[in-house]
Every structure is written in structure tokens, then in C-alpha cells.
Amino acid sequence: MSQYPLVAGHEVVGTIAAIGDRVTTVKVGQRVGLGWFSHSCMHCEWCMSGDHNLCLTGEQTIVGRYGGFADKVRPNQEWVIPLPEGVDPAEVGPLFCGGITVFNPIIQCNVKPTDRVALIGIDCLGHMALRVLKAWGCDVTAFSTNPDKEAEARELGANHFVNSRNPQAIESVANSFDFILSTVNADLDWSKYISALRPKGRLHFVGVVPNAIPAYAFPLIAAQKSISGSPLGSPATTAQMLDFAARHGIEPVTETFEFSQINETLEHLESGKARYRIVLKH
């Protein structure tokens, strides 16, 4: 869907430089953030029910317009979210896409602080999910194919760690979880994770699985389990996420580079060395 010349960047934090004469929600000089979406119609069924992120004619920040790797970006007011007190403007940017992507399922799927939750993937999304789920009050298990990540996973908020390359380890947590969140973009043996769900449990995807997920009708029917997915959250949920992050001191793990270093930054990212989000500072 990319059209060139392209200016990317859809996790943006900055200060309002100018507003239109009908803008009422923000003011010049206010520090704000912007994520994947830049506009929604404000009158369809989904917008009117508060699910602006499901608007069928919604517009994106870097599709059909120039994004945040720039001096200026011009969005519509409904997706511009003021920063609450207590968040670091230099660190908060990744919350506007990655953070809300892992926070929204907690709201949409009614994850409770008493739930036992598992995360698949300690990555750019998953590390934020661990911090959020821990602060939410859940008992959190991290699945990873890399056993060397156990100490880091626990530091980020996991109470337990499972080496997912070990079949016996996965089998040992059968019938354990109320909710499993997958952030990975990989094909896995999903039947094992469905078996790890308790009755009425849910396997939820925010990572894009390359191939279709096979149907597992019988185990889903027998224990009333479900499979679901979600995109980013609405403006209201994004604001709620920011307030939650400020209250609990939740920040992404970031590395900071100057805009003039963007070529080196992309090389660093493509090499797989980024831990875990990169912030470009103007």
C-alpha cells in the first residue's frame, strides 16, 4: 500500500504548532501524541459507539499522507491525544502504536486482575505487554523459544517462564490460562496453546501470523474456548492506556538516535539488535 515518496513514522510525540478554526480538543503549545490512525468519520456505527479504530473509512497517519519522520505532521483532532502528567515525552512514543496494541485486548476481552495470563513473544510488542499485564495485577507467564530470555522476561514482569521449544514444558501448563496473548509474526503449533487454555479461555492475536490458523473446532467447542484478534484501540482507550502507564510508571524499553542518524538506525533495526523500540529525536 506504500506510495512513494514516502515519509513513514506513526508513533509521534510533539507540540501543537497550529490548529484549524474548528478544532476544540487541543490547543497550540500542548504536548500530544499520534499513532497509526489520523482520522475517522465520526458518524458511522463504529465511531458513534466509541470504536473509532474500527471505522470502515478511517484514515492512517502514513497511508495517503506524510507521517511523523518529519518536522510537521497534520492529523485530525480526534486522534491527537494529550500527554498526561508523569510520562516522559522522549519515551512515550511507542505506546501510541505498540502500547495500545497490547493494552486494547485487556479492555476488549475483559481481562481481570485475578486472571492467569500468558504471553507468546518477548519482542517489541511483548515486552510492553509484560509490563502492562503485571501492573494490571495478572499472574503472568512468558512463552519464548529462547531460554536465555528468562531473566529478562521476569524483570519485565513475568511471574513464570516456559521454554516453548520444550514440548514437555508446554504440556505441563495444560488447562492453565484464562487468556493467552500472541504478539509474534510466526506460525506455531497453536493446538498446544489452545490446550493450555482453561475452559472459556481465549487465544488472542495482535501479531500477524503468516499463514491461516487451522480450525480447532472440537477443543474450542468442548471447553467453550475462543480465538480472536484486535487492532489498535480507540482514542478513549488510548487515553486510558496513557493514564494507566503514567500511574504505574510503564515505559517501553527504548534506544534513542538523532534524526540525522536515521540510516544507521534502520541498519541497527534490520540487524535485529534493537532493544526493543527505537526513538528518533528531532
C-alpha atoms as a PDB file:
ATOM      1  CA  MET A   1       0.000   0.000   0.000  1.00  0.00           C
ATOM      2  CA  SER A   2       3.026   2.302   0.163  1.00  0.00           C
ATOM      3  CA  GLN A   3       3.177   5.226  -2.246  1.00  0.00           C
ATOM      4  CA  TYR A   4       6.478   6.999  -2.844  1.00  0.00           C
ATOM      5  CA  PRO A   5       7.898   9.414  -1.961  1.00  0.00           C
ATOM      6  CA  LEU A   6       7.038   8.078   1.498  1.00  0.00           C
ATOM      7  CA  VAL A   7       7.518   9.709   4.891  1.00  0.00           C
ATOM      8  CA  ALA A   8       6.987   6.991   7.499  1.00  0.00           C
ATOM      9  CA  GLY A   9       6.547   7.329  11.264  1.00  0.00           C
ATOM     10  CA  HIS A  10       3.273   6.582  13.022  1.00  0.00           C
ATOM     11  CA  GLU A  11       4.289   6.810  16.689  1.00  0.00           C
ATOM     12  CA  VAL A  12       4.672  10.546  17.024  1.00  0.00           C
ATOM     13  CA  VAL A  13       5.078  12.874  20.007  1.00  0.00           C
ATOM     14  CA  GLY A  14       5.321  16.623  19.598  1.00  0.00           C
ATOM     15  CA  THR A  15       3.871  20.030  20.360  1.00  0.00           C
ATOM     16  CA  ILE A  16       0.833  21.553  18.627  1.00  0.00           C
ATOM     17  CA  ALA A  17       2.124  24.259  16.265  1.00  0.00           C
ATOM     18  CA  ALA A  18      -1.178  25.292  14.665  1.00  0.00           C
ATOM     19  CA  ILE A  19      -4.861  24.317  14.725  1.00  0.00           C
ATOM     20  CA  GLY A  20      -7.810  24.791  12.410  1.00  0.00           C
ATOM     21  CA  ASP A  21     -10.617  27.182  13.310  1.00  0.00           C
ATOM     22  CA  ARG A  22     -12.963  24.275  14.203  1.00  0.00           C
ATOM     23  CA  VAL A  23     -10.544  22.431  16.478  1.00  0.00           C
ATOM     24  CA  THR A  24     -11.749  22.343  20.081  1.00  0.00           C
ATOM     25  CA  THR A  25      -9.952  19.405  21.717  1.00  0.00           C
ATOM     26  CA  VAL A  26      -6.331  20.630  21.722  1.00  0.00           C
ATOM     27  CA  LYS A  27      -4.570  23.965  21.790  1.00  0.00           C
ATOM     28  CA  VAL A  28      -1.367  25.461  20.431  1.00  0.00           C
ATOM     29  CA  GLY A  29       1.648  24.624  22.582  1.00  0.00           C
ATOM     30  CA  GLN A  30       0.104  21.461  24.035  1.00  0.00           C
ATOM     31  CA  ARG A  31       2.243  18.326  24.027  1.00  0.00           C
ATOM     32  CA  VAL A  32       0.427  15.442  22.342  1.00  0.00           C
ATOM     33  CA  GLY A  33       0.886  12.077  20.659  1.00  0.00           C
ATOM     34  CA  LEU A  34      -0.401  10.412  17.496  1.00  0.00           C
ATOM     35  CA  GLY A  35      -0.499   6.763  16.463  1.00  0.00           C
ATOM     36  CA  TRP A  36      -1.488   4.672  13.442  1.00  0.00           C
ATOM     37  CA  PHE A  37      -4.819   6.410  12.821  1.00  0.00           C
ATOM     38  CA  SER A  38      -5.160  10.053  11.845  1.00  0.00           C
ATOM     39  CA  HIS A  39      -8.894  10.342  11.106  1.00  0.00           C
ATOM     40  CA  SER A  40     -12.201   8.521  11.435  1.00  0.00           C
ATOM     41  CA  CYS A  41     -15.548   9.572  10.004  1.00  0.00           C
ATOM     42  CA  MET A  42     -17.196  10.353  13.387  1.00  0.00           C
ATOM     43  CA  HIS A  43     -20.700   9.375  12.245  1.00  0.00           C
ATOM     44  CA  CYS A  44     -20.710   5.649  11.362  1.00  0.00           C
ATOM     45  CA  GLU A  45     -21.964   2.863  13.625  1.00  0.00           C
ATOM     46  CA  TRP A  46     -18.463   2.165  14.939  1.00  0.00           C
ATOM     47  CA  CYS A  47     -17.444   5.756  15.616  1.00  0.00           C
ATOM     48  CA  MET A  48     -20.768   6.514  17.286  1.00  0.00           C
ATOM     49  CA  SER A  49     -20.331   3.507  19.604  1.00  0.00           C
ATOM     50  CA  GLY A  50     -16.789   4.545  20.570  1.00  0.00           C
ATOM     51  CA  ASP A  51     -14.900   2.096  18.362  1.00  0.00           C
ATOM     52  CA  HIS A  52     -13.252   4.671  16.104  1.00  0.00           C
ATOM     53  CA  ASN A  53     -10.438   2.215  15.362  1.00  0.00           C
ATOM     54  CA  LEU A  54     -12.982   0.024  13.526  1.00  0.00           C
ATOM     55  CA  CYS A  55     -14.244   2.843  11.285  1.00  0.00           C
ATOM     56  CA  LEU A  56     -14.526   1.415   7.762  1.00  0.00           C
ATOM     57  CA  THR A  57     -13.374   4.692   6.204  1.00  0.00           C
ATOM     58  CA  GLY A  58     -10.709   5.503   8.791  1.00  0.00           C
ATOM     59  CA  GLU A  59      -7.502   7.139   7.596  1.00  0.00           C
ATOM     60  CA  GLN A  60      -3.986   6.268   8.661  1.00  0.00           C
ATOM     61  CA  THR A  61      -1.088   8.518   9.589  1.00  0.00           C
ATOM     62  CA  ILE A  62       1.328   7.164   6.947  1.00  0.00           C
ATOM     63  CA  VAL A  63      -1.063   5.843   4.269  1.00  0.00           C
ATOM     64  CA  GLY A  64      -2.005   8.507   1.755  1.00  0.00           C
ATOM     65  CA  ARG A  65      -0.197  11.236   3.678  1.00  0.00           C
ATOM     66  CA  TYR A  66       3.216  12.043   5.161  1.00  0.00           C
ATOM     67  CA  GLY A  67       3.942  10.730   8.631  1.00  0.00           C
ATOM     68  CA  GLY A  68       5.985  11.542  11.677  1.00  0.00           C
ATOM     69  CA  PHE A  69       9.573  11.314  10.406  1.00  0.00           C
ATOM     70  CA  ALA A  70       9.257  14.995   9.613  1.00  0.00           C
ATOM     71  CA  ASP A  71       9.219  18.499  11.074  1.00  0.00           C
ATOM     72  CA  LYS A  72       5.410  18.565  10.931  1.00  0.00           C
ATOM     73  CA  VAL A  73       2.565  16.068  10.666  1.00  0.00           C
ATOM     74  CA  ARG A  74      -1.078  17.045  10.101  1.00  0.00           C
ATOM     75  CA  PRO A  75      -3.755  14.766  11.603  1.00  0.00           C
ATOM     76  CA  ASN A  76      -7.390  15.340  12.526  1.00  0.00           C
ATOM     77  CA  GLN A  77      -8.176  16.317  16.077  1.00  0.00           C
ATOM     78  CA  GLU A  78      -9.980  13.146  17.219  1.00  0.00           C
ATOM     79  CA  TRP A  79      -6.792  11.054  17.109  1.00  0.00           C
ATOM     80  CA  VAL A  80      -4.474  13.615  18.728  1.00  0.00           C
ATOM     81  CA  ILE A  81      -4.114  12.569  22.385  1.00  0.00           C
ATOM     82  CA  PRO A  82      -2.761  14.967  25.058  1.00  0.00           C
ATOM     83  CA  LEU A  83       0.039  13.540  27.181  1.00  0.00           C
ATOM     84  CA  PRO A  84      -0.849  13.140  30.859  1.00  0.00           C
ATOM     85  CA  GLU A  85       1.423  14.367  33.625  1.00  0.00           C
ATOM     86  CA  GLY A  86       4.060  11.852  34.582  1.00  0.00           C
ATOM     87  CA  VAL A  87       5.023  10.444  31.178  1.00  0.00           C
ATOM     88  CA  ASP A  88       8.375  11.135  29.553  1.00  0.00           C
ATOM     89  CA  PRO A  89       7.849  12.646  26.073  1.00  0.00           C
ATOM     90  CA  ALA A  90      11.141  11.094  24.953  1.00  0.00           C
ATOM     91  CA  GLU A  91       9.955   7.582  25.868  1.00  0.00           C
ATOM     92  CA  VAL A  92       6.183   7.565  25.381  1.00  0.00           C
ATOM     93  CA  GLY A  93       6.061   7.493  21.566  1.00  0.00           C
ATOM     94  CA  PRO A  94       5.997   3.680  21.140  1.00  0.00           C
ATOM     95  CA  LEU A  95       2.919   3.487  23.370  1.00  0.00           C
ATOM     96  CA  PHE A  96       0.885   5.166  20.621  1.00  0.00           C
ATOM     97  CA  CYS A  97       1.026   2.029  18.464  1.00  0.00           C
ATOM     98  CA  GLY A  98       2.799  -0.819  20.224  1.00  0.00           C
ATOM     99  CA  GLY A  99       1.473   0.062  23.664  1.00  0.00           C
ATOM    100  CA  ILE A 100      -2.161   0.477  22.680  1.00  0.00           C
ATOM    101  CA  THR A 101      -1.989  -2.692  20.554  1.00  0.00           C
ATOM    102  CA  VAL A 102      -1.283  -4.780  23.678  1.00  0.00           C
ATOM    103  CA  PHE A 103      -3.437  -2.698  26.039  1.00  0.00           C
ATOM    104  CA  ASN A 104      -6.609  -2.764  23.919  1.00  0.00           C
ATOM    105  CA  PRO A 105      -7.142  -6.561  24.236  1.00  0.00           C
ATOM    106  CA  ILE A 106      -7.170  -6.249  28.016  1.00  0.00           C
ATOM    107  CA  ILE A 107     -10.134  -3.883  27.736  1.00  0.00           C
ATOM    108  CA  GLN A 108     -11.919  -5.602  24.842  1.00  0.00           C
ATOM    109  CA  CYS A 109     -11.567  -9.112  26.298  1.00  0.00           C
ATOM    110  CA  ASN A 110     -12.318  -8.098  29.886  1.00  0.00           C
ATOM    111  CA  VAL A 111      -9.061  -9.449  31.277  1.00  0.00           C
ATOM    112  CA  LYS A 112      -9.304  -9.349  35.076  1.00  0.00           C
ATOM    113  CA  PRO A 113      -6.524  -8.800  37.622  1.00  0.00           C
ATOM    114  CA  THR A 114      -7.285 -12.269  39.000  1.00  0.00           C
ATOM    115  CA  ASP A 115      -6.720 -13.960  35.627  1.00  0.00           C
ATOM    116  CA  ARG A 116      -3.809 -16.206  34.769  1.00  0.00           C
ATOM    117  CA  VAL A 117      -2.420 -14.812  31.536  1.00  0.00           C
ATOM    118  CA  ALA A 118       0.310 -15.991  29.162  1.00  0.00           C
ATOM    119  CA  LEU A 119       2.271 -14.047  26.566  1.00  0.00           C
ATOM    120  CA  ILE A 120       3.785 -15.543  23.418  1.00  0.00           C
ATOM    121  CA  GLY A 121       6.728 -13.440  22.258  1.00  0.00           C
ATOM    122  CA  ILE A 122       9.180 -11.253  24.186  1.00  0.00           C
ATOM    123  CA  ASP A 123       9.642  -8.695  21.439  1.00  0.00           C
ATOM    124  CA  CYS A 124       8.877  -5.085  20.532  1.00  0.00           C
ATOM    125  CA  LEU A 125       5.207  -5.598  21.489  1.00  0.00           C
ATOM    126  CA  GLY A 126       5.594  -8.381  24.018  1.00  0.00           C
ATOM    127  CA  HIS A 127       7.942  -6.568  26.381  1.00  0.00           C
ATOM    128  CA  MET A 128       5.330  -3.817  26.793  1.00  0.00           C
ATOM    129  CA  ALA A 129       2.588  -6.416  27.279  1.00  0.00           C
ATOM    130  CA  LEU A 130       4.536  -7.978  30.158  1.00  0.00           C
ATOM    131  CA  ARG A 131       4.806  -4.636  31.934  1.00  0.00           C
ATOM    132  CA  VAL A 132       1.143  -3.804  31.386  1.00  0.00           C
ATOM    133  CA  LEU A 133      -0.179  -7.222  32.452  1.00  0.00           C
ATOM    134  CA  LYS A 134       1.990  -7.216  35.573  1.00  0.00           C
ATOM    135  CA  ALA A 135       0.700  -3.766  36.552  1.00  0.00           C
ATOM    136  CA  TRP A 136      -2.858  -4.912  35.765  1.00  0.00           C
ATOM    137  CA  GLY A 137      -2.428  -7.492  38.530  1.00  0.00           C
ATOM    138  CA  CYS A 138      -2.413 -10.701  36.491  1.00  0.00           C
ATOM    139  CA  ASP A 139      -0.350 -13.792  37.152  1.00  0.00           C
ATOM    140  CA  VAL A 140       1.815 -13.683  34.018  1.00  0.00           C
ATOM    141  CA  THR A 141       3.638 -16.467  32.177  1.00  0.00           C
ATOM    142  CA  ALA A 142       6.037 -15.731  29.302  1.00  0.00           C
ATOM    143  CA  PHE A 143       6.478 -18.226  26.461  1.00  0.00           C
ATOM    144  CA  SER A 144       9.685 -17.930  24.454  1.00  0.00           C
ATOM    145  CA  THR A 145      11.726 -20.090  22.092  1.00  0.00           C
ATOM    146  CA  ASN A 146      14.863 -18.563  23.611  1.00  0.00           C
ATOM    147  CA  PRO A 147      15.594 -19.831  27.146  1.00  0.00           C
ATOM    148  CA  ASP A 148      18.196 -17.084  27.528  1.00  0.00           C
ATOM    149  CA  LYS A 149      15.347 -14.560  27.749  1.00  0.00           C
ATOM    150  CA  GLU A 150      14.015 -15.923  31.036  1.00  0.00           C
ATOM    151  CA  ALA A 151      15.801 -13.439  33.303  1.00  0.00           C
ATOM    152  CA  GLU A 152      14.756 -10.520  31.121  1.00  0.00           C
ATOM    153  CA  ALA A 153      11.150 -11.749  30.954  1.00  0.00           C
ATOM    154  CA  ARG A 154      10.970 -11.926  34.733  1.00  0.00           C
ATOM    155  CA  GLU A 155      12.493  -8.475  35.044  1.00  0.00           C
ATOM    156  CA  LEU A 156       9.845  -7.120  32.666  1.00  0.00           C
ATOM    157  CA  GLY A 157       7.033  -8.598  34.751  1.00  0.00           C
ATOM    158  CA  ALA A 158       6.638 -12.325  34.119  1.00  0.00           C
ATOM    159  CA  ASN A 159       5.961 -14.474  37.165  1.00  0.00           C
ATOM    160  CA  HIS A 160       6.739 -17.680  35.245  1.00  0.00           C
ATOM    161  CA  PHE A 161       8.669 -18.680  32.121  1.00  0.00           C
ATOM    162  CA  VAL A 162       8.105 -21.542  29.677  1.00  0.00           C
ATOM    163  CA  ASN A 163      10.609 -22.619  27.031  1.00  0.00           C
ATOM    164  CA  SER A 164       8.244 -23.190  24.119  1.00  0.00           C
ATOM    165  CA  ARG A 165      10.798 -25.346  22.281  1.00  0.00           C
ATOM    166  CA  ASN A 166      10.341 -27.934  25.013  1.00  0.00           C
ATOM    167  CA  PRO A 167       7.145 -29.956  24.312  1.00  0.00           C
ATOM    168  CA  GLN A 168       7.033 -31.243  27.887  1.00  0.00           C
ATOM    169  CA  ALA A 169       7.203 -27.705  29.239  1.00  0.00           C
ATOM    170  CA  ILE A 170       4.142 -26.650  27.228  1.00  0.00           C
ATOM    171  CA  GLU A 171       2.274 -29.823  28.148  1.00  0.00           C
ATOM    172  CA  SER A 172       2.974 -29.112  31.820  1.00  0.00           C
ATOM    173  CA  VAL A 173       0.843 -25.935  31.663  1.00  0.00           C
ATOM    174  CA  ALA A 174      -2.205 -27.536  30.013  1.00  0.00           C
ATOM    175  CA  ASN A 175      -5.502 -26.119  31.285  1.00  0.00           C
ATOM    176  CA  SER A 176      -3.711 -23.210  32.982  1.00  0.00           C
ATOM    177  CA  PHE A 177      -4.606 -19.881  31.394  1.00  0.00           C
ATOM    178  CA  ASP A 178      -7.657 -17.664  31.132  1.00  0.00           C
ATOM    179  CA  PHE A 179      -6.072 -15.585  28.367  1.00  0.00           C
ATOM    180  CA  ILE A 180      -3.113 -16.043  26.036  1.00  0.00           C
ATOM    181  CA  LEU A 181      -1.841 -13.058  24.029  1.00  0.00           C
ATOM    182  CA  SER A 182       0.320 -13.693  20.955  1.00  0.00           C
ATOM    183  CA  THR A 183       2.477 -10.871  19.596  1.00  0.00           C
ATOM    184  CA  VAL A 184       4.610 -12.993  17.256  1.00  0.00           C
ATOM    185  CA  ASN A 185       4.558 -12.959  13.459  1.00  0.00           C
ATOM    186  CA  ALA A 186       5.225 -16.679  13.135  1.00  0.00           C
ATOM    187  CA  ASP A 187       3.464 -19.979  12.550  1.00  0.00           C
ATOM    188  CA  LEU A 188       3.372 -22.089  15.707  1.00  0.00           C
ATOM    189  CA  ASP A 189       1.618 -25.253  16.818  1.00  0.00           C
ATOM    190  CA  TRP A 190      -1.468 -23.427  18.028  1.00  0.00           C
ATOM    191  CA  SER A 191      -3.149 -26.623  19.229  1.00  0.00           C
ATOM    192  CA  LYS A 192      -0.711 -26.728  22.145  1.00  0.00           C
ATOM    193  CA  TYR A 193      -1.609 -23.206  23.192  1.00  0.00           C
ATOM    194  CA  ILE A 194      -5.316 -23.932  22.899  1.00  0.00           C
ATOM    195  CA  SER A 195      -4.723 -26.920  25.181  1.00  0.00           C
ATOM    196  CA  ALA A 196      -3.027 -24.551  27.631  1.00  0.00           C
ATOM    197  CA  LEU A 197      -6.260 -22.562  27.982  1.00  0.00           C
ATOM    198  CA  ARG A 198      -8.695 -23.185  30.787  1.00  0.00           C
ATOM    199  CA  PRO A 199     -12.391 -23.671  29.939  1.00  0.00           C
ATOM    200  CA  LYS A 200     -13.761 -20.406  28.496  1.00  0.00           C
ATOM    201  CA  GLY A 201     -10.167 -19.303  27.836  1.00  0.00           C
ATOM    202  CA  ARG A 202      -9.188 -17.160  24.875  1.00  0.00           C
ATOM    203  CA  LEU A 203      -6.219 -17.167  22.488  1.00  0.00           C
ATOM    204  CA  HIS A 204      -5.866 -13.621  21.178  1.00  0.00           C
ATOM    205  CA  PHE A 205      -3.699 -12.395  18.305  1.00  0.00           C
ATOM    206  CA  VAL A 206      -2.129  -8.988  17.792  1.00  0.00           C
ATOM    207  CA  GLY A 207       0.834 -10.382  15.843  1.00  0.00           C
ATOM    208  CA  VAL A 208       0.234 -11.183  12.177  1.00  0.00           C
ATOM    209  CA  VAL A 209       0.528 -14.931  11.648  1.00  0.00           C
ATOM    210  CA  PRO A 210       1.880 -15.533   8.106  1.00  0.00           C
ATOM    211  CA  ASN A 211      -0.457 -18.415   7.274  1.00  0.00           C
ATOM    212  CA  ALA A 212      -4.045 -19.218   8.117  1.00  0.00           C
ATOM    213  CA  ILE A 213      -4.715 -20.562  11.608  1.00  0.00           C
ATOM    214  CA  PRO A 214      -6.166 -24.070  11.225  1.00  0.00           C
ATOM    215  CA  ALA A 215      -9.577 -24.746  12.699  1.00  0.00           C
ATOM    216  CA  TYR A 216      -9.590 -26.480  16.060  1.00  0.00           C
ATOM    217  CA  ALA A 217     -13.324 -26.848  16.369  1.00  0.00           C
ATOM    218  CA  PHE A 218     -13.596 -29.692  18.834  1.00  0.00           C
ATOM    219  CA  PRO A 219     -11.336 -28.347  21.628  1.00  0.00           C
ATOM    220  CA  LEU A 220     -12.940 -24.930  21.207  1.00  0.00           C
ATOM    221  CA  ILE A 221     -16.458 -26.354  21.427  1.00  0.00           C
ATOM    222  CA  ALA A 222     -15.738 -28.839  24.196  1.00  0.00           C
ATOM    223  CA  ALA A 223     -14.365 -26.264  26.645  1.00  0.00           C
ATOM    224  CA  GLN A 224     -16.083 -23.148  25.249  1.00  0.00           C
ATOM    225  CA  LYS A 225     -12.732 -21.645  24.269  1.00  0.00           C
ATOM    226  CA  SER A 226     -12.255 -18.930  21.636  1.00  0.00           C
ATOM    227  CA  ILE A 227      -9.762 -17.420  19.197  1.00  0.00           C
ATOM    228  CA  SER A 228      -9.806 -13.677  18.499  1.00  0.00           C
ATOM    229  CA  GLY A 229      -7.746 -10.712  17.363  1.00  0.00           C
ATOM    230  CA  SER A 230      -7.766  -6.928  17.605  1.00  0.00           C
ATOM    231  CA  PRO A 231      -6.208  -3.808  16.085  1.00  0.00           C
ATOM    232  CA  LEU A 232      -5.153  -0.684  17.955  1.00  0.00           C
ATOM    233  CA  GLY A 233      -7.620   0.920  20.350  1.00  0.00           C
ATOM    234  CA  SER A 234      -9.910   3.916  20.119  1.00  0.00           C
ATOM    235  CA  PRO A 235      -8.853   7.434  21.155  1.00  0.00           C
ATOM    236  CA  ALA A 236     -10.602   6.953  24.509  1.00  0.00           C
ATOM    237  CA  THR A 237      -8.832   3.640  25.142  1.00  0.00           C
ATOM    238  CA  THR A 238      -5.521   5.204  24.115  1.00  0.00           C
ATOM    239  CA  ALA A 239      -6.016   7.995  26.654  1.00  0.00           C
ATOM    240  CA  GLN A 240      -6.927   5.383  29.273  1.00  0.00           C
ATOM    241  CA  MET A 241      -3.737   3.469  28.433  1.00  0.00           C
ATOM    242  CA  LEU A 242      -1.618   6.601  28.825  1.00  0.00           C
ATOM    243  CA  ASP A 243      -3.153   7.363  32.229  1.00  0.00           C
ATOM    244  CA  PHE A 244      -2.523   3.755  33.304  1.00  0.00           C
ATOM    245  CA  ALA A 245       1.087   3.946  32.098  1.00  0.00           C
ATOM    246  CA  ALA A 246       1.651   7.221  33.962  1.00  0.00           C
ATOM    247  CA  ARG A 247       0.148   5.808  37.156  1.00  0.00           C
ATOM    248  CA  HIS A 248       2.322   2.697  37.115  1.00  0.00           C
ATOM    249  CA  GLY A 249       5.470   4.131  35.561  1.00  0.00           C
ATOM    250  CA  ILE A 250       5.209   1.906  32.482  1.00  0.00           C
ATOM    251  CA  GLU A 251       7.590   2.796  29.673  1.00  0.00           C
ATOM    252  CA  PRO A 252       8.834   0.861  26.656  1.00  0.00           C
ATOM    253  CA  VAL A 253      12.454  -0.204  26.533  1.00  0.00           C
ATOM    254  CA  THR A 254      13.963   2.226  24.029  1.00  0.00           C
ATOM    255  CA  GLU A 255      17.147   3.314  22.305  1.00  0.00           C
ATOM    256  CA  THR A 256      17.431   6.935  21.161  1.00  0.00           C
ATOM    257  CA  PHE A 257      19.037   8.199  17.954  1.00  0.00           C
ATOM    258  CA  GLU A 258      19.137  11.619  16.320  1.00  0.00           C
ATOM    259  CA  PHE A 259      17.143  12.117  13.110  1.00  0.00           C
ATOM    260  CA  SER A 260      20.423  12.634  11.301  1.00  0.00           C
ATOM    261  CA  GLN A 261      21.312   9.031  12.194  1.00  0.00           C
ATOM    262  CA  ILE A 262      18.247   7.505  10.551  1.00  0.00           C
ATOM    263  CA  ASN A 263      20.244   5.368   8.093  1.00  0.00           C
ATOM    264  CA  GLU A 264      22.329   3.891  10.899  1.00  0.00           C
ATOM    265  CA  THR A 265      19.125   3.441  12.885  1.00  0.00           C
ATOM    266  CA  LEU A 266      17.489   1.378  10.157  1.00  0.00           C
ATOM    267  CA  GLU A 267      20.597  -0.771   9.829  1.00  0.00           C
ATOM    268  CA  HIS A 268      20.516  -1.328  13.597  1.00  0.00           C
ATOM    269  CA  LEU A 269      16.853  -2.329  13.372  1.00  0.00           C
ATOM    270  CA  GLU A 270      17.276  -4.654  10.390  1.00  0.00           C
ATOM    271  CA  SER A 271      20.197  -6.396  12.071  1.00  0.00           C
ATOM    272  CA  GLY A 272      17.881  -7.474  14.900  1.00  0.00           C
ATOM    273  CA  LYS A 273      19.886  -5.590  17.531  1.00  0.00           C
ATOM    274  CA  ALA A 274      17.142  -3.119  18.571  1.00  0.00           C
ATOM    275  CA  ARG A 275      16.040  -3.489  22.210  1.00  0.00           C
ATOM    276  CA  TYR A 276      13.197  -3.017  21.902  1.00  0.00           C
ATOM    277  CA  ARG A 277      11.950   0.203  20.349  1.00  0.00           C
ATOM    278  CA  ILE A 278      13.944   2.947  18.652  1.00  0.00           C
ATOM    279  CA  VAL A 279      13.100   6.609  19.242  1.00  0.00           C
ATOM    280  CA  LEU A 280      14.221   9.255  16.754  1.00  0.00           C
ATOM    281  CA  LYS A 281      14.826  12.588  18.448  1.00  0.00           C
ATOM    282  CA  HIS A 282      14.369  15.796  16.469  1.00  0.00           C
END
